[in-house]
Amino acid sequence: MHLKEGFKLHQLGNESIVVAEGDASLDYTSIISLNETGAYIWRNIIGKEFDAESITKLLLDEYDVDEATASDDAYAFVESLLEAELVNE
């Protein structure tokens, strides 16, 4: 899967938000707030194919976390992207 085109990550002070820009904004009016980890993942998957396993690897490479926790968090992040309709499979 990959992130849909037209969604951009912006930094507003200490907050990271994803907003639809251009044609994507015609169909999508929500703003998604990401924590530091979510923003890290977003920056590392934009323009790339990814799945929960590749996100797990990103988390393991960046954070001091065990594999089970990283995997659970990665699957939850992917589920959130799917629910928000931010990905194409």
N, C-alpha and C. Protein backbone atom coordinates (compact mmCIF):
# COMPACT_ATOMS: atom_id res chain seq x y z
N MET A 1 0.84 -1.16 0.00
CA MET A 1 0.00 0.00 0.00
C MET A 1 0.89 1.23 0.00
N HIS A 2 0.28 2.37 -0.30
CA HIS A 2 1.01 3.64 -0.25
C HIS A 2 0.05 4.76 0.13
N LEU A 3 0.61 5.86 0.61
CA LEU A 3 -0.21 7.01 0.97
C LEU A 3 -0.82 7.63 -0.27
N LYS A 4 -2.06 8.07 -0.16
CA LYS A 4 -2.70 8.75 -1.28
C LYS A 4 -1.99 10.07 -1.55
N GLU A 5 -2.00 10.45 -2.80
CA GLU A 5 -1.40 11.73 -3.18
C GLU A 5 -2.28 12.87 -2.70
N GLY A 6 -1.67 14.00 -2.43
CA GLY A 6 -2.41 15.19 -2.06
C GLY A 6 -2.51 15.43 -0.57
N PHE A 7 -1.90 14.57 0.23
CA PHE A 7 -1.91 14.74 1.67
C PHE A 7 -0.51 15.12 2.12
N LYS A 8 -0.41 16.20 2.86
CA LYS A 8 0.89 16.74 3.26
C LYS A 8 0.97 16.85 4.77
N LEU A 9 2.15 16.56 5.29
CA LEU A 9 2.44 16.71 6.71
C LEU A 9 2.96 18.12 6.94
N HIS A 10 2.36 18.81 7.90
CA HIS A 10 2.77 20.16 8.27
C HIS A 10 3.08 20.21 9.75
N GLN A 11 4.04 21.02 10.11
CA GLN A 11 4.40 21.23 11.50
C GLN A 11 3.85 22.59 11.93
N LEU A 12 3.00 22.58 12.95
CA LEU A 12 2.46 23.82 13.52
C LEU A 12 2.87 23.88 14.97
N GLY A 13 3.95 24.60 15.23
CA GLY A 13 4.49 24.61 16.59
C GLY A 13 4.97 23.22 16.94
N ASN A 14 4.43 22.66 18.00
CA ASN A 14 4.81 21.31 18.43
C ASN A 14 3.89 20.23 17.86
N GLU A 15 2.93 20.64 17.04
CA GLU A 15 1.95 19.69 16.53
C GLU A 15 2.22 19.36 15.06
N SER A 16 2.08 18.08 14.72
CA SER A 16 2.20 17.63 13.34
C SER A 16 0.80 17.29 12.85
N ILE A 17 0.42 17.88 11.71
CA ILE A 17 -0.90 17.60 11.16
C ILE A 17 -0.78 17.21 9.69
N VAL A 18 -1.72 16.39 9.26
CA VAL A 18 -1.81 15.99 7.86
C VAL A 18 -3.07 16.65 7.30
N VAL A 19 -2.90 17.37 6.21
CA VAL A 19 -4.04 18.03 5.57
C VAL A 19 -4.06 17.68 4.09
N ALA A 20 -5.27 17.71 3.54
CA ALA A 20 -5.44 17.48 2.11
C ALA A 20 -5.16 18.78 1.37
N GLU A 21 -4.46 18.66 0.27
CA GLU A 21 -4.14 19.84 -0.55
C GLU A 21 -4.52 19.55 -1.99
N GLY A 22 -4.76 20.59 -2.75
CA GLY A 22 -5.09 20.43 -4.16
C GLY A 22 -6.40 19.67 -4.34
N ASP A 23 -6.44 18.79 -5.33
CA ASP A 23 -7.66 18.03 -5.64
C ASP A 23 -8.13 17.17 -4.48
N ALA A 24 -7.20 16.69 -3.66
CA ALA A 24 -7.59 15.84 -2.53
C ALA A 24 -8.47 16.60 -1.55
N SER A 25 -8.30 17.92 -1.47
CA SER A 25 -9.08 18.71 -0.51
C SER A 25 -10.56 18.80 -0.90
N LEU A 26 -10.88 18.50 -2.16
CA LEU A 26 -12.27 18.54 -2.59
C LEU A 26 -13.10 17.43 -1.95
N ASP A 27 -12.46 16.29 -1.69
CA ASP A 27 -13.16 15.14 -1.14
C ASP A 27 -12.85 14.87 0.32
N TYR A 28 -11.86 15.54 0.86
CA TYR A 28 -11.40 15.22 2.22
C TYR A 28 -11.25 16.51 3.01
N THR A 29 -12.07 16.67 4.01
CA THR A 29 -12.07 17.93 4.75
C THR A 29 -11.55 17.79 6.18
N SER A 30 -11.07 16.63 6.55
CA SER A 30 -10.56 16.42 7.90
C SER A 30 -9.09 16.82 8.01
N ILE A 31 -8.68 17.10 9.22
CA ILE A 31 -7.28 17.31 9.54
C ILE A 31 -6.88 16.21 10.51
N ILE A 32 -5.78 15.55 10.22
CA ILE A 32 -5.30 14.44 11.05
C ILE A 32 -4.12 14.95 11.87
N SER A 33 -4.19 14.75 13.17
CA SER A 33 -3.09 15.13 14.06
C SER A 33 -2.25 13.89 14.35
N LEU A 34 -0.94 14.03 14.23
CA LEU A 34 -0.02 12.92 14.49
C LEU A 34 0.90 13.27 15.66
N ASN A 35 1.17 12.27 16.48
CA ASN A 35 2.17 12.48 17.52
C ASN A 35 3.57 12.38 16.88
N GLU A 36 4.60 12.53 17.68
CA GLU A 36 5.97 12.52 17.16
C GLU A 36 6.28 11.22 16.40
N THR A 37 5.84 10.10 16.93
CA THR A 37 6.10 8.81 16.28
C THR A 37 5.33 8.70 14.98
N GLY A 38 4.08 9.12 14.98
CA GLY A 38 3.28 9.08 13.76
C GLY A 38 3.89 9.95 12.67
N ALA A 39 4.38 11.13 13.04
CA ALA A 39 5.02 12.02 12.07
C ALA A 39 6.31 11.40 11.53
N TYR A 40 7.06 10.73 12.41
CA TYR A 40 8.28 10.03 11.97
C TYR A 40 7.93 8.96 10.94
N ILE A 41 6.91 8.18 11.23
CA ILE A 41 6.49 7.13 10.28
C ILE A 41 6.07 7.78 8.97
N TRP A 42 5.22 8.80 9.04
CA TRP A 42 4.72 9.45 7.82
C TRP A 42 5.88 9.93 6.95
N ARG A 43 6.84 10.61 7.55
CA ARG A 43 7.99 11.12 6.77
C ARG A 43 8.77 9.99 6.10
N ASN A 44 8.76 8.81 6.70
CA ASN A 44 9.55 7.70 6.16
C ASN A 44 8.79 6.80 5.21
N ILE A 45 7.47 6.98 5.08
CA ILE A 45 6.71 6.14 4.14
C ILE A 45 6.18 6.94 2.96
N ILE A 46 6.26 8.26 3.02
CA ILE A 46 5.71 9.07 1.94
C ILE A 46 6.42 8.73 0.63
N GLY A 47 5.63 8.47 -0.40
CA GLY A 47 6.17 8.14 -1.71
C GLY A 47 6.70 6.73 -1.84
N LYS A 48 6.47 5.88 -0.83
CA LYS A 48 7.00 4.51 -0.84
C LYS A 48 5.88 3.51 -0.59
N GLU A 49 6.10 2.32 -1.08
CA GLU A 49 5.22 1.20 -0.72
C GLU A 49 5.56 0.80 0.71
N PHE A 50 4.55 0.46 1.49
CA PHE A 50 4.79 0.06 2.87
C PHE A 50 3.71 -0.92 3.32
N ASP A 51 4.00 -1.57 4.41
CA ASP A 51 3.03 -2.40 5.11
C ASP A 51 3.38 -2.36 6.59
N ALA A 52 2.61 -3.05 7.40
CA ALA A 52 2.85 -3.00 8.84
C ALA A 52 4.24 -3.54 9.19
N GLU A 53 4.73 -4.52 8.44
CA GLU A 53 6.05 -5.07 8.73
C GLU A 53 7.15 -4.05 8.48
N SER A 54 7.04 -3.29 7.40
CA SER A 54 8.07 -2.27 7.13
C SER A 54 8.00 -1.14 8.16
N ILE A 55 6.81 -0.82 8.63
CA ILE A 55 6.68 0.19 9.68
C ILE A 55 7.26 -0.34 10.99
N THR A 56 7.05 -1.62 11.27
CA THR A 56 7.65 -2.23 12.46
C THR A 56 9.15 -2.05 12.43
N LYS A 57 9.76 -2.29 11.26
CA LYS A 57 11.22 -2.14 11.14
C LYS A 57 11.63 -0.69 11.38
N LEU A 58 10.88 0.26 10.85
CA LEU A 58 11.18 1.67 11.10
C LEU A 58 11.18 1.98 12.60
N LEU A 59 10.18 1.47 13.30
CA LEU A 59 10.08 1.71 14.74
C LEU A 59 11.23 1.07 15.49
N LEU A 60 11.59 -0.15 15.11
CA LEU A 60 12.70 -0.83 15.78
C LEU A 60 14.03 -0.12 15.54
N ASP A 61 14.19 0.44 14.33
CA ASP A 61 15.42 1.15 14.00
C ASP A 61 15.55 2.48 14.74
N GLU A 62 14.43 3.11 15.06
CA GLU A 62 14.46 4.46 15.63
C GLU A 62 14.26 4.50 17.15
N TYR A 63 13.49 3.57 17.68
CA TYR A 63 13.11 3.64 19.09
C TYR A 63 13.59 2.41 19.86
N ASP A 64 13.79 2.60 21.14
CA ASP A 64 14.17 1.50 22.03
C ASP A 64 12.89 0.81 22.49
N VAL A 65 12.42 -0.10 21.65
CA VAL A 65 11.14 -0.78 21.89
C VAL A 65 11.28 -2.24 21.47
N ASP A 66 10.55 -3.12 22.13
CA ASP A 66 10.63 -4.53 21.76
C ASP A 66 9.79 -4.77 20.49
N GLU A 67 10.08 -5.87 19.83
CA GLU A 67 9.45 -6.15 18.54
C GLU A 67 7.93 -6.30 18.64
N ALA A 68 7.44 -6.91 19.70
CA ALA A 68 6.00 -7.09 19.85
C ALA A 68 5.28 -5.74 19.96
N THR A 69 5.84 -4.83 20.73
CA THR A 69 5.24 -3.51 20.89
C THR A 69 5.30 -2.75 19.57
N ALA A 70 6.45 -2.79 18.90
CA ALA A 70 6.59 -2.11 17.61
C ALA A 70 5.59 -2.66 16.60
N SER A 71 5.42 -3.97 16.57
CA SER A 71 4.48 -4.60 15.64
C SER A 71 3.04 -4.18 15.96
N ASP A 72 2.67 -4.21 17.22
CA ASP A 72 1.31 -3.79 17.61
C ASP A 72 1.06 -2.34 17.20
N ASP A 73 2.04 -1.48 17.46
CA ASP A 73 1.90 -0.07 17.12
C ASP A 73 1.83 0.13 15.60
N ALA A 74 2.62 -0.61 14.86
CA ALA A 74 2.63 -0.50 13.40
C ALA A 74 1.27 -0.93 12.82
N TYR A 75 0.73 -2.03 13.30
CA TYR A 75 -0.57 -2.48 12.81
C TYR A 75 -1.66 -1.48 13.17
N ALA A 76 -1.59 -0.88 14.36
CA ALA A 76 -2.56 0.12 14.77
C ALA A 76 -2.46 1.37 13.89
N PHE A 77 -1.23 1.76 13.54
CA PHE A 77 -1.02 2.92 12.68
C PHE A 77 -1.61 2.67 11.30
N VAL A 78 -1.34 1.50 10.74
CA VAL A 78 -1.88 1.15 9.42
C VAL A 78 -3.40 1.14 9.47
N GLU A 79 -3.97 0.57 10.52
CA GLU A 79 -5.43 0.54 10.66
C GLU A 79 -5.99 1.96 10.71
N SER A 80 -5.31 2.86 11.40
CA SER A 80 -5.75 4.25 11.46
C SER A 80 -5.71 4.91 10.09
N LEU A 81 -4.66 4.63 9.32
CA LEU A 81 -4.56 5.17 7.96
C LEU A 81 -5.69 4.65 7.08
N LEU A 82 -5.99 3.36 7.21
CA LEU A 82 -7.08 2.76 6.43
C LEU A 82 -8.43 3.37 6.81
N GLU A 83 -8.67 3.51 8.09
CA GLU A 83 -9.94 4.09 8.56
C GLU A 83 -10.11 5.53 8.09
N ALA A 84 -9.01 6.28 8.05
CA ALA A 84 -9.04 7.67 7.62
C ALA A 84 -9.01 7.80 6.09
N GLU A 85 -8.93 6.67 5.40
CA GLU A 85 -8.88 6.62 3.93
C GLU A 85 -7.73 7.43 3.37
N LEU A 86 -6.55 7.25 3.98
CA LEU A 86 -5.36 7.96 3.53
C LEU A 86 -4.42 7.10 2.70
N VAL A 87 -4.82 5.85 2.43
CA VAL A 87 -3.93 4.95 1.68
C VAL A 87 -4.67 4.31 0.50
N ASN A 88 -3.88 3.94 -0.48
CA ASN A 88 -4.33 3.08 -1.57
C ASN A 88 -3.67 1.75 -1.38
N GLU A 89 -4.44 0.70 -1.52
CA GLU A 89 -3.84 -0.64 -1.33
C GLU A 89 -3.39 -1.21 -2.65
